[in-house]
Amino acid sequence: MAVGADQWFPGAELTIKRAPELMRRFTARFARMTTENAALSNASFNVAALQAPPSSMMTLPALLTVARGPRRAPLTREQAIAQYPEFGDLLKPAPADAA
């Protein structure tokens, strides 16, 4: 996973020479799906925590979930913050410095 994450840095070279753009899109979709799918998120966490082999993220159900894509549109900033009322002040403009 660490090697795959390097692909987002400018100038990083992938070890996969064939279809690097396809790998980037797959990785981006996989990351997006972990925010929506608990099983995929747990599999990703277990691999990152070295509790499971990387192949555990490439099961047929996981790949089908990623291929299907997200079921919901991404939340807007307001929608995301509204889930946590205690952070409601984040949407208010910052007060001007009283000088």
N, C-alpha and C. Protein backbone atom coordinates (compact mmCIF):
# COMPACT_ATOMS: atom_id res chain seq x y z
N MET A 1 0.82 -1.19 0.00
CA MET A 1 0.00 0.00 0.00
C MET A 1 0.86 1.25 0.00
N ALA A 2 1.94 1.23 0.74
CA ALA A 2 2.79 2.42 0.80
C ALA A 2 3.36 2.74 -0.57
N VAL A 3 3.72 1.71 -1.31
CA VAL A 3 4.28 1.93 -2.63
C VAL A 3 3.21 2.49 -3.55
N GLY A 4 1.97 2.00 -3.44
CA GLY A 4 0.89 2.51 -4.25
C GLY A 4 0.54 3.95 -3.92
N ALA A 5 0.70 4.33 -2.65
CA ALA A 5 0.39 5.70 -2.25
C ALA A 5 1.41 6.70 -2.79
N ASP A 6 2.60 6.24 -3.11
CA ASP A 6 3.63 7.12 -3.65
C ASP A 6 3.26 7.69 -5.02
N GLN A 7 2.35 7.04 -5.71
CA GLN A 7 2.00 7.44 -7.07
C GLN A 7 1.44 8.85 -7.14
N TRP A 8 0.95 9.39 -6.04
CA TRP A 8 0.34 10.71 -6.06
C TRP A 8 1.37 11.83 -5.95
N PHE A 9 2.61 11.49 -5.64
CA PHE A 9 3.65 12.50 -5.54
C PHE A 9 4.23 12.81 -6.92
N PRO A 10 4.45 14.08 -7.21
CA PRO A 10 5.00 14.44 -8.52
C PRO A 10 6.35 13.76 -8.75
N GLY A 11 6.52 13.23 -9.93
CA GLY A 11 7.79 12.61 -10.29
C GLY A 11 7.95 11.17 -9.83
N ALA A 12 6.99 10.65 -9.08
CA ALA A 12 7.10 9.26 -8.62
C ALA A 12 6.88 8.32 -9.80
N GLU A 13 7.69 7.29 -9.86
CA GLU A 13 7.57 6.31 -10.93
C GLU A 13 6.90 5.06 -10.38
N LEU A 14 5.93 4.56 -11.12
CA LEU A 14 5.25 3.34 -10.72
C LEU A 14 6.05 2.12 -11.17
N THR A 15 5.97 1.07 -10.39
CA THR A 15 6.62 -0.18 -10.80
C THR A 15 5.78 -0.88 -11.87
N ILE A 16 4.53 -0.51 -11.94
CA ILE A 16 3.66 -1.06 -12.97
C ILE A 16 3.77 -0.18 -14.20
N LYS A 17 4.37 -0.68 -15.23
CA LYS A 17 4.61 0.12 -16.42
C LYS A 17 3.40 0.17 -17.33
N ARG A 18 2.53 -0.83 -17.24
CA ARG A 18 1.36 -0.87 -18.11
C ARG A 18 0.19 -0.18 -17.42
N ALA A 19 -0.40 0.72 -18.10
CA ALA A 19 -1.63 1.40 -17.67
C ALA A 19 -1.51 2.06 -16.30
N PRO A 20 -0.51 2.93 -16.08
CA PRO A 20 -0.42 3.58 -14.76
C PRO A 20 -1.63 4.46 -14.45
N GLU A 21 -2.25 5.05 -15.47
CA GLU A 21 -3.43 5.87 -15.22
C GLU A 21 -4.59 5.02 -14.73
N LEU A 22 -4.70 3.82 -15.24
CA LEU A 22 -5.73 2.89 -14.78
C LEU A 22 -5.52 2.55 -13.30
N MET A 23 -4.27 2.34 -12.91
CA MET A 23 -3.96 2.05 -11.50
C MET A 23 -4.30 3.26 -10.63
N ARG A 24 -4.01 4.45 -11.11
CA ARG A 24 -4.33 5.66 -10.33
C ARG A 24 -5.83 5.79 -10.12
N ARG A 25 -6.58 5.55 -11.18
CA ARG A 25 -8.04 5.66 -11.08
C ARG A 25 -8.60 4.58 -10.16
N PHE A 26 -8.06 3.35 -10.26
CA PHE A 26 -8.52 2.27 -9.40
C PHE A 26 -8.22 2.60 -7.94
N THR A 27 -7.01 3.08 -7.67
CA THR A 27 -6.63 3.42 -6.30
C THR A 27 -7.51 4.53 -5.75
N ALA A 28 -7.79 5.53 -6.56
CA ALA A 28 -8.65 6.64 -6.13
C ALA A 28 -10.07 6.13 -5.84
N ARG A 29 -10.58 5.27 -6.69
CA ARG A 29 -11.93 4.74 -6.46
C ARG A 29 -11.95 3.83 -5.24
N PHE A 30 -10.90 3.03 -5.06
CA PHE A 30 -10.81 2.16 -3.89
C PHE A 30 -10.83 3.01 -2.62
N ALA A 31 -10.05 4.08 -2.60
CA ALA A 31 -10.01 4.96 -1.43
C ALA A 31 -11.38 5.61 -1.20
N ARG A 32 -12.04 6.03 -2.26
CA ARG A 32 -13.37 6.64 -2.14
C ARG A 32 -14.36 5.63 -1.58
N MET A 33 -14.27 4.38 -2.01
CA MET A 33 -15.21 3.36 -1.57
C MET A 33 -14.99 2.97 -0.11
N THR A 34 -13.78 3.11 0.40
CA THR A 34 -13.55 2.78 1.81
C THR A 34 -14.29 3.75 2.73
N THR A 35 -14.63 4.93 2.25
CA THR A 35 -15.39 5.88 3.07
C THR A 35 -16.86 5.50 3.14
N GLU A 36 -17.30 4.63 2.25
CA GLU A 36 -18.72 4.28 2.16
C GLU A 36 -19.00 2.83 2.54
N ASN A 37 -17.99 1.98 2.50
CA ASN A 37 -18.19 0.56 2.70
C ASN A 37 -17.34 0.08 3.87
N ALA A 38 -18.00 -0.34 4.95
CA ALA A 38 -17.29 -0.72 6.17
C ALA A 38 -16.39 -1.94 5.96
N ALA A 39 -16.86 -2.92 5.20
CA ALA A 39 -16.05 -4.12 4.97
C ALA A 39 -14.76 -3.78 4.22
N LEU A 40 -14.88 -2.94 3.23
CA LEU A 40 -13.70 -2.52 2.47
C LEU A 40 -12.76 -1.69 3.34
N SER A 41 -13.33 -0.84 4.16
CA SER A 41 -12.53 -0.02 5.07
C SER A 41 -11.78 -0.90 6.07
N ASN A 42 -12.47 -1.89 6.62
CA ASN A 42 -11.81 -2.80 7.57
C ASN A 42 -10.70 -3.60 6.90
N ALA A 43 -10.94 -4.06 5.69
CA ALA A 43 -9.90 -4.81 4.98
C ALA A 43 -8.68 -3.93 4.74
N SER A 44 -8.91 -2.69 4.34
CA SER A 44 -7.82 -1.76 4.10
C SER A 44 -7.05 -1.47 5.39
N PHE A 45 -7.78 -1.26 6.48
CA PHE A 45 -7.13 -1.01 7.77
C PHE A 45 -6.30 -2.21 8.21
N ASN A 46 -6.85 -3.41 8.08
CA ASN A 46 -6.12 -4.61 8.51
C ASN A 46 -4.83 -4.80 7.72
N VAL A 47 -4.84 -4.47 6.45
CA VAL A 47 -3.62 -4.56 5.66
C VAL A 47 -2.62 -3.49 6.10
N ALA A 48 -3.10 -2.27 6.30
CA ALA A 48 -2.22 -1.19 6.73
C ALA A 48 -1.62 -1.47 8.11
N ALA A 49 -2.39 -2.15 8.97
CA ALA A 49 -1.91 -2.47 10.31
C ALA A 49 -1.12 -3.78 10.33
N LEU A 50 -0.86 -4.34 9.16
CA LEU A 50 -0.10 -5.59 9.00
C LEU A 50 -0.76 -6.76 9.72
N GLN A 51 -2.09 -6.74 9.79
CA GLN A 51 -2.84 -7.83 10.41
C GLN A 51 -3.39 -8.79 9.37
N ALA A 52 -3.30 -8.40 8.10
CA ALA A 52 -3.80 -9.25 7.02
C ALA A 52 -2.92 -9.03 5.79
N PRO A 53 -2.82 -10.03 4.92
CA PRO A 53 -2.02 -9.86 3.70
C PRO A 53 -2.74 -8.94 2.71
N PRO A 54 -1.98 -8.27 1.84
CA PRO A 54 -2.60 -7.39 0.84
C PRO A 54 -3.64 -8.09 -0.03
N SER A 55 -3.48 -9.36 -0.24
CA SER A 55 -4.44 -10.09 -1.07
C SER A 55 -5.84 -10.11 -0.45
N SER A 56 -5.94 -9.85 0.85
CA SER A 56 -7.26 -9.84 1.49
C SER A 56 -8.12 -8.67 1.02
N MET A 57 -7.50 -7.66 0.43
CA MET A 57 -8.27 -6.53 -0.11
C MET A 57 -8.74 -6.81 -1.53
N MET A 58 -8.25 -7.87 -2.14
CA MET A 58 -8.57 -8.16 -3.53
C MET A 58 -9.49 -9.36 -3.68
N THR A 59 -10.42 -9.49 -2.75
CA THR A 59 -11.40 -10.56 -2.86
C THR A 59 -12.44 -10.17 -3.90
N LEU A 60 -13.20 -11.13 -4.39
CA LEU A 60 -14.21 -10.84 -5.40
C LEU A 60 -15.24 -9.82 -4.89
N PRO A 61 -15.78 -9.98 -3.67
CA PRO A 61 -16.73 -8.96 -3.20
C PRO A 61 -16.12 -7.56 -3.14
N ALA A 62 -14.87 -7.46 -2.72
CA ALA A 62 -14.22 -6.15 -2.65
C ALA A 62 -14.04 -5.55 -4.03
N LEU A 63 -13.59 -6.35 -4.97
CA LEU A 63 -13.39 -5.84 -6.33
C LEU A 63 -14.71 -5.45 -7.00
N LEU A 64 -15.77 -6.21 -6.73
CA LEU A 64 -17.07 -5.86 -7.29
C LEU A 64 -17.59 -4.55 -6.68
N THR A 65 -17.34 -4.36 -5.40
CA THR A 65 -17.75 -3.12 -4.74
C THR A 65 -17.04 -1.92 -5.37
N VAL A 66 -15.75 -2.06 -5.60
CA VAL A 66 -14.98 -0.97 -6.21
C VAL A 66 -15.43 -0.75 -7.66
N ALA A 67 -15.67 -1.83 -8.38
CA ALA A 67 -16.11 -1.70 -9.77
C ALA A 67 -17.48 -1.04 -9.87
N ARG A 68 -18.36 -1.34 -8.93
CA ARG A 68 -19.69 -0.74 -8.94
C ARG A 68 -19.62 0.76 -8.71
N GLY A 69 -18.71 1.18 -7.87
CA GLY A 69 -18.55 2.60 -7.60
C GLY A 69 -19.43 3.08 -6.47
N PRO A 70 -19.31 4.34 -6.13
CA PRO A 70 -20.06 4.87 -4.99
C PRO A 70 -21.56 4.91 -5.26
N ARG A 71 -22.32 4.68 -4.20
CA ARG A 71 -23.77 4.74 -4.31
C ARG A 71 -24.29 6.14 -4.03
N ARG A 72 -23.50 6.91 -3.31
CA ARG A 72 -23.93 8.26 -2.95
C ARG A 72 -22.94 9.28 -3.48
N ALA A 73 -23.45 10.46 -3.74
CA ALA A 73 -22.56 11.55 -4.16
C ALA A 73 -21.75 12.01 -2.95
N PRO A 74 -20.54 12.52 -3.16
CA PRO A 74 -19.76 13.03 -2.03
C PRO A 74 -20.51 14.15 -1.32
N LEU A 75 -20.32 14.24 -0.02
CA LEU A 75 -20.96 15.29 0.76
C LEU A 75 -20.31 16.64 0.47
N THR A 76 -21.13 17.68 0.54
CA THR A 76 -20.57 19.03 0.47
C THR A 76 -19.97 19.35 1.83
N ARG A 77 -19.24 20.42 1.91
CA ARG A 77 -18.63 20.83 3.17
C ARG A 77 -19.71 21.02 4.24
N GLU A 78 -20.81 21.68 3.85
CA GLU A 78 -21.89 21.96 4.80
C GLU A 78 -22.54 20.67 5.29
N GLN A 79 -22.76 19.72 4.39
CA GLN A 79 -23.36 18.45 4.77
C GLN A 79 -22.46 17.66 5.71
N ALA A 80 -21.18 17.67 5.42
CA ALA A 80 -20.24 16.92 6.25
C ALA A 80 -20.17 17.51 7.66
N ILE A 81 -20.10 18.82 7.77
CA ILE A 81 -20.00 19.45 9.08
C ILE A 81 -21.32 19.36 9.83
N ALA A 82 -22.45 19.36 9.12
CA ALA A 82 -23.76 19.28 9.77
C ALA A 82 -23.94 17.98 10.55
N GLN A 83 -23.18 16.94 10.21
CA GLN A 83 -23.26 15.68 10.95
C GLN A 83 -22.73 15.82 12.37
N TYR A 84 -21.95 16.84 12.61
CA TYR A 84 -21.33 17.08 13.91
C TYR A 84 -21.71 18.48 14.38
N PRO A 85 -22.85 18.61 15.08
CA PRO A 85 -23.32 19.94 15.48
C PRO A 85 -22.30 20.72 16.31
N GLU A 86 -21.45 20.02 17.04
CA GLU A 86 -20.46 20.71 17.86
C GLU A 86 -19.43 21.47 17.01
N PHE A 87 -19.37 21.16 15.72
CA PHE A 87 -18.45 21.87 14.83
C PHE A 87 -19.16 22.91 13.96
N GLY A 88 -20.38 23.25 14.29
CA GLY A 88 -21.16 24.19 13.51
C GLY A 88 -20.49 25.54 13.34
N ASP A 89 -19.66 25.92 14.31
CA ASP A 89 -18.97 27.21 14.23
C ASP A 89 -17.96 27.26 13.09
N LEU A 90 -17.58 26.12 12.55
CA LEU A 90 -16.60 26.11 11.47
C LEU A 90 -17.13 26.77 10.21
N LEU A 91 -18.44 26.81 10.07
CA LEU A 91 -19.03 27.42 8.87
C LEU A 91 -19.18 28.92 8.98
N LYS A 92 -19.05 29.44 10.20
CA LYS A 92 -19.20 30.88 10.37
C LYS A 92 -17.92 31.58 9.95
N PRO A 93 -18.03 32.80 9.42
CA PRO A 93 -16.82 33.52 9.06
C PRO A 93 -15.99 33.84 10.29
N ALA A 94 -14.70 33.88 10.13
CA ALA A 94 -13.80 34.19 11.24
C ALA A 94 -14.01 35.64 11.65
N PRO A 95 -14.00 35.90 12.95
CA PRO A 95 -14.17 37.28 13.40
C PRO A 95 -12.96 38.12 13.02
N ALA A 96 -13.22 39.37 12.70
CA ALA A 96 -12.13 40.29 12.35
C ALA A 96 -11.33 40.59 13.61
N ASP A 97 -10.03 40.74 13.45
CA ASP A 97 -9.18 41.08 14.60
C ASP A 97 -9.54 42.45 15.12
N ALA A 98 -9.77 42.53 16.41
CA ALA A 98 -10.06 43.83 17.03
C ALA A 98 -8.73 44.52 17.33
N ALA A 99 -8.41 45.49 16.55
CA ALA A 99 -7.11 46.15 16.74
C ALA A 99 -7.24 47.47 17.41
